[in-house]
Protein backbone atom coordinates (compact mmCIF):
# COMPACT_ATOMS: atom_id res chain seq x y z
CA UNK A 1 4.52 -16.74 8.49
CA UNK A 2 5.66 -13.26 9.06
CA UNK A 3 5.21 -10.43 6.76
CA UNK A 4 6.70 -6.84 7.83
CA UNK A 5 4.71 -3.90 7.00
CA UNK A 6 6.18 -0.61 6.59
CA UNK A 7 4.66 2.73 5.64
CA UNK A 8 5.18 6.46 6.15
CA UNK A 9 1.95 7.02 8.42
CA UNK A 10 -0.51 9.54 7.34
CA UNK A 11 -2.38 10.22 10.70
CA UNK A 12 -1.14 13.31 12.59
CA UNK A 13 -3.19 11.85 15.71
CA UNK A 14 -0.71 8.61 15.90
CA UNK A 15 2.27 10.74 15.70
CA UNK A 16 1.12 12.89 18.42
CA UNK A 17 0.34 9.81 20.51
CA UNK A 18 3.69 8.76 20.48
CA UNK A 19 5.37 12.26 20.85
CA UNK A 20 6.68 12.56 17.22
CA UNK A 21 6.62 15.56 14.72
CA UNK A 22 4.10 15.18 11.95
CA UNK A 23 6.49 16.14 8.95
CA UNK A 24 5.07 16.75 5.58
CA UNK A 25 4.38 13.90 3.02
CA UNK A 26 7.82 14.26 1.40
CA UNK A 27 9.78 14.05 4.57
CA UNK A 28 7.57 10.90 6.00
CA UNK A 29 8.50 9.33 2.43
CA UNK A 30 12.19 10.09 2.85
CA UNK A 31 12.33 8.79 6.41
CA UNK A 32 10.65 5.52 5.26
CA UNK A 33 12.94 5.13 2.29
CA UNK A 34 15.99 5.31 4.95
CA UNK A 35 14.40 2.96 7.31
CA UNK A 36 13.63 0.02 5.05
CA UNK A 37 17.34 0.25 3.89
CA UNK A 38 18.53 -0.13 7.37
CA UNK A 39 15.81 -2.67 8.37
CA UNK A 40 16.61 -4.95 5.24
CA UNK A 41 20.35 -4.80 6.11
CA UNK A 42 19.74 -5.85 9.74
CA UNK A 43 17.28 -8.55 8.81
CA UNK A 44 19.99 -10.00 6.28
CA UNK A 45 22.48 -9.98 9.55
CA UNK A 46 24.76 -7.43 8.10
CA UNK A 47 26.85 -5.06 10.06
CA UNK A 48 25.09 -1.78 9.39
CA UNK A 49 26.75 1.76 8.76
CA UNK A 50 24.28 4.15 7.48
CA UNK A 51 24.16 8.31 7.66
CA UNK A 52 20.95 9.72 6.25
CA UNK A 53 19.12 12.83 6.69
CA UNK A 54 16.72 10.95 9.29
CA UNK A 55 18.72 8.33 10.73
CA UNK A 56 22.34 7.52 11.71
CA UNK A 57 23.41 4.09 12.56
CA UNK A 58 27.10 2.64 12.91
CA UNK A 59 28.46 -0.65 12.92
CA UNK A 60 28.82 -0.55 16.58
CA UNK A 61 25.38 -1.57 17.14
CA UNK A 62 24.23 -5.20 18.00
CA UNK A 63 22.79 -6.71 14.98
CA UNK A 64 21.00 -9.97 14.77
CA UNK A 65 22.72 -12.99 13.47
CA UNK A 66 21.89 -14.15 9.53
CA UNK A 67 18.50 -15.50 9.67
CA UNK A 68 18.38 -19.42 8.94
CA UNK A 69 15.46 -18.93 6.81
CA UNK A 70 15.16 -16.21 4.09
CA UNK A 71 14.02 -12.57 5.78
CA UNK A 72 10.51 -11.80 6.08
CA UNK A 73 8.86 -10.35 3.09
CA UNK A 74 8.22 -6.73 3.27
CA UNK A 75 4.91 -5.12 2.51
CA UNK A 76 4.88 -1.43 1.68
CA UNK A 77 1.84 0.54 0.76
CA UNK A 78 0.52 3.70 -0.48
CA UNK A 79 -1.40 5.34 -3.29
CA UNK A 80 0.40 8.58 -4.32
CA UNK A 81 3.23 8.32 -7.00
CA UNK A 82 6.33 8.79 -4.49
CA UNK A 83 4.75 5.91 -2.34
CA UNK A 84 4.27 3.63 -5.13
CA UNK A 85 8.12 4.28 -6.44
CA UNK A 86 9.68 3.14 -2.81
CA UNK A 87 7.70 0.00 -2.57
CA UNK A 88 8.50 -0.96 -6.24
CA UNK A 89 12.46 -0.61 -5.54
CA UNK A 90 12.43 -1.96 -2.13
CA UNK A 91 9.28 -4.28 -1.18
CA UNK A 92 8.52 -7.54 -2.03
CA UNK A 93 4.79 -7.01 -1.51
CA UNK A 94 3.25 -3.73 -2.82
CA UNK A 95 -0.03 -2.65 -1.09
CA UNK A 96 -2.48 -0.45 -3.04
CA UNK A 97 -4.99 1.31 -1.20
CA UNK A 98 -6.78 3.65 -3.62
CA UNK A 99 -7.19 6.31 -0.52
CA UNK A 100 -5.04 9.49 -0.32
CA UNK A 101 -5.45 10.92 3.11
CA UNK A 102 -4.63 14.78 3.47
CA UNK A 103 -4.67 17.12 6.35
CA UNK A 104 -3.14 14.45 8.64
CA UNK A 105 -5.63 12.01 7.94
CA UNK A 106 -8.55 14.12 8.42
CA UNK A 107 -9.72 14.29 4.67
CA UNK A 108 -9.72 11.24 2.71
CA UNK A 109 -9.60 11.76 -1.23
CA UNK A 110 -11.00 8.52 -2.90
CA UNK A 111 -10.12 9.71 -6.46
CA UNK A 112 -7.54 7.19 -6.52
CA UNK A 113 -10.10 4.42 -6.45
CA UNK A 114 -10.78 4.76 -10.05
CA UNK A 115 -9.71 1.73 -12.22
CA UNK A 116 -8.00 4.38 -14.57
CA UNK A 117 -6.12 5.35 -11.85
CA UNK A 118 -4.87 2.07 -10.94
CA UNK A 119 -3.92 1.39 -14.54
CA UNK A 120 -1.55 4.36 -14.12
CA UNK A 121 0.04 3.19 -10.87
CA UNK A 122 0.66 -0.28 -12.07
CA UNK A 123 2.02 1.37 -15.47
CA UNK A 124 4.17 3.60 -13.52
CA UNK A 125 5.50 1.08 -10.85
CA UNK A 126 6.37 -1.09 -13.88
CA UNK A 127 8.44 1.58 -15.47
CA UNK A 128 10.31 2.73 -12.55
CA UNK A 129 11.45 -0.81 -11.28
CA UNK A 130 11.17 -3.03 -14.88
CA UNK A 131 13.56 -5.38 -13.51
CA UNK A 132 11.43 -6.09 -10.30
CA UNK A 133 7.79 -5.77 -11.59
CA UNK A 134 7.56 -9.58 -12.34
CA UNK A 135 8.49 -10.53 -8.91
CA UNK A 136 6.12 -8.19 -7.06
CA UNK A 137 3.09 -9.30 -5.47
CA UNK A 138 0.41 -6.82 -5.77
CA UNK A 139 -1.81 -6.34 -2.90
CA UNK A 140 -5.34 -4.43 -2.72
CA UNK A 141 -7.13 -3.02 0.62
CA UNK A 142 -10.51 -3.53 0.02
CA UNK A 143 -12.33 -0.55 1.68
CA UNK A 144 -15.87 -1.84 1.61
CA UNK A 145 -17.55 -5.29 1.22
CA UNK A 146 -21.11 -5.43 0.69
CA UNK A 147 -22.88 -8.60 -0.15
CA UNK A 148 -26.09 -7.96 -1.78
CA UNK A 149 -28.43 -9.36 -4.78
CA UNK A 150 -28.60 -5.84 -6.04
CA UNK A 151 -24.97 -4.66 -6.82
CA UNK A 152 -25.91 -1.84 -8.98
CA UNK A 153 -28.20 -0.37 -6.09
CA UNK A 154 -25.70 -0.88 -3.37
CA UNK A 155 -22.83 1.22 -5.65
CA UNK A 156 -25.46 3.98 -6.13
CA UNK A 157 -26.14 4.05 -2.45
CA UNK A 158 -22.48 4.21 -1.90
CA UNK A 159 -21.81 6.78 -4.74
CA UNK A 160 -23.78 9.16 -2.41
CA UNK A 161 -21.43 9.04 0.32
CA UNK A 162 -18.18 8.36 -2.22
CA UNK A 163 -19.02 11.53 -3.99
CA UNK A 164 -15.75 11.59 -6.13
CA UNK A 165 -16.77 8.16 -7.54
CA UNK A 166 -19.93 7.20 -9.80
CA UNK A 167 -21.55 4.04 -9.38
CA UNK A 168 -19.71 2.45 -12.28
CA UNK A 169 -16.39 3.54 -11.15
CA UNK A 170 -17.28 2.02 -7.67
CA UNK A 171 -17.93 -1.44 -9.40
CA UNK A 172 -15.15 -1.14 -11.40
CA UNK A 173 -12.84 -0.41 -8.38
CA UNK A 174 -10.21 -3.13 -6.99
CA UNK A 175 -10.61 -1.45 -3.64
CA UNK A 176 -14.53 -2.59 -3.37
CA UNK A 177 -16.58 -5.78 -3.32
CA UNK A 178 -20.07 -5.63 -4.02
CA UNK A 179 -22.62 -8.24 -4.96
CA UNK A 180 -23.39 -11.85 -4.52
CA UNK A 181 -20.32 -14.28 -3.59
CA UNK A 182 -20.09 -15.40 -7.17
CA UNK A 183 -20.16 -11.98 -8.34
CA UNK A 184 -17.14 -11.06 -6.00
CA UNK A 185 -15.19 -13.92 -7.34
CA UNK A 186 -15.70 -12.94 -10.79
CA UNK A 187 -14.59 -9.51 -9.94
CA UNK A 188 -11.31 -10.83 -8.09
CA UNK A 189 -10.56 -13.17 -11.14
CA UNK A 190 -11.09 -10.03 -13.50
CA UNK A 191 -8.73 -8.10 -11.28
CA UNK A 192 -6.18 -10.43 -11.24
CA UNK A 193 -6.42 -10.68 -15.06
CA UNK A 194 -6.10 -6.93 -15.70
CA UNK A 195 -3.71 -5.77 -12.94
CA UNK A 196 -2.22 -8.95 -11.44
CA UNK A 197 -3.43 -8.19 -7.95
CA UNK A 198 -3.33 -11.57 -6.11
CA UNK A 199 -3.51 -10.55 -2.62
CA UNK A 200 -6.60 -9.10 -0.80
CA UNK A 201 -7.03 -7.45 2.56
CA UNK A 202 -10.52 -6.81 3.73
CA UNK A 203 -11.96 -4.83 6.93
CA UNK A 204 -12.51 -6.69 10.05
């Protein structure tokens, strides 16, 4: 019943709250890559010796006994190509968000929500990890849920705020659910057929 979520972090304010330097995205992604290798070895109950750019661990540390059950699945998410490559190679669950946050999380870029971009991300992921692609579970973080009898009007209203997307692009995006309950079910089924997305997260 446990899933371990791991990410590089994108909010500068969160780094500042815990007293950490907010590095550039490349360094944060590199640090995440080292962390997931270490965590997977620890969860397997293996002695860990690891020397990287960001972490240094020796087998003198106390590590857990082997788990009686398989280790919890690891969920890793992101939107950029670099943060899709790592989950494709290391995670069990790949989380797609559609949004890239720039300038320390203060500038959201919604262009990744387009269905054509999702096509590219899925194709890229399957190319970089073809031997794992069939085993990976794909997750989509739905950014907006709007229950309405007029989905076209709701999408047009949202497009006035999400200026990077047209109303049609919003309705086609796997990161938005707009319409009646039946229309949402149809959209979810269509997205599963198109991209293989079977795991949905929605806002609270």
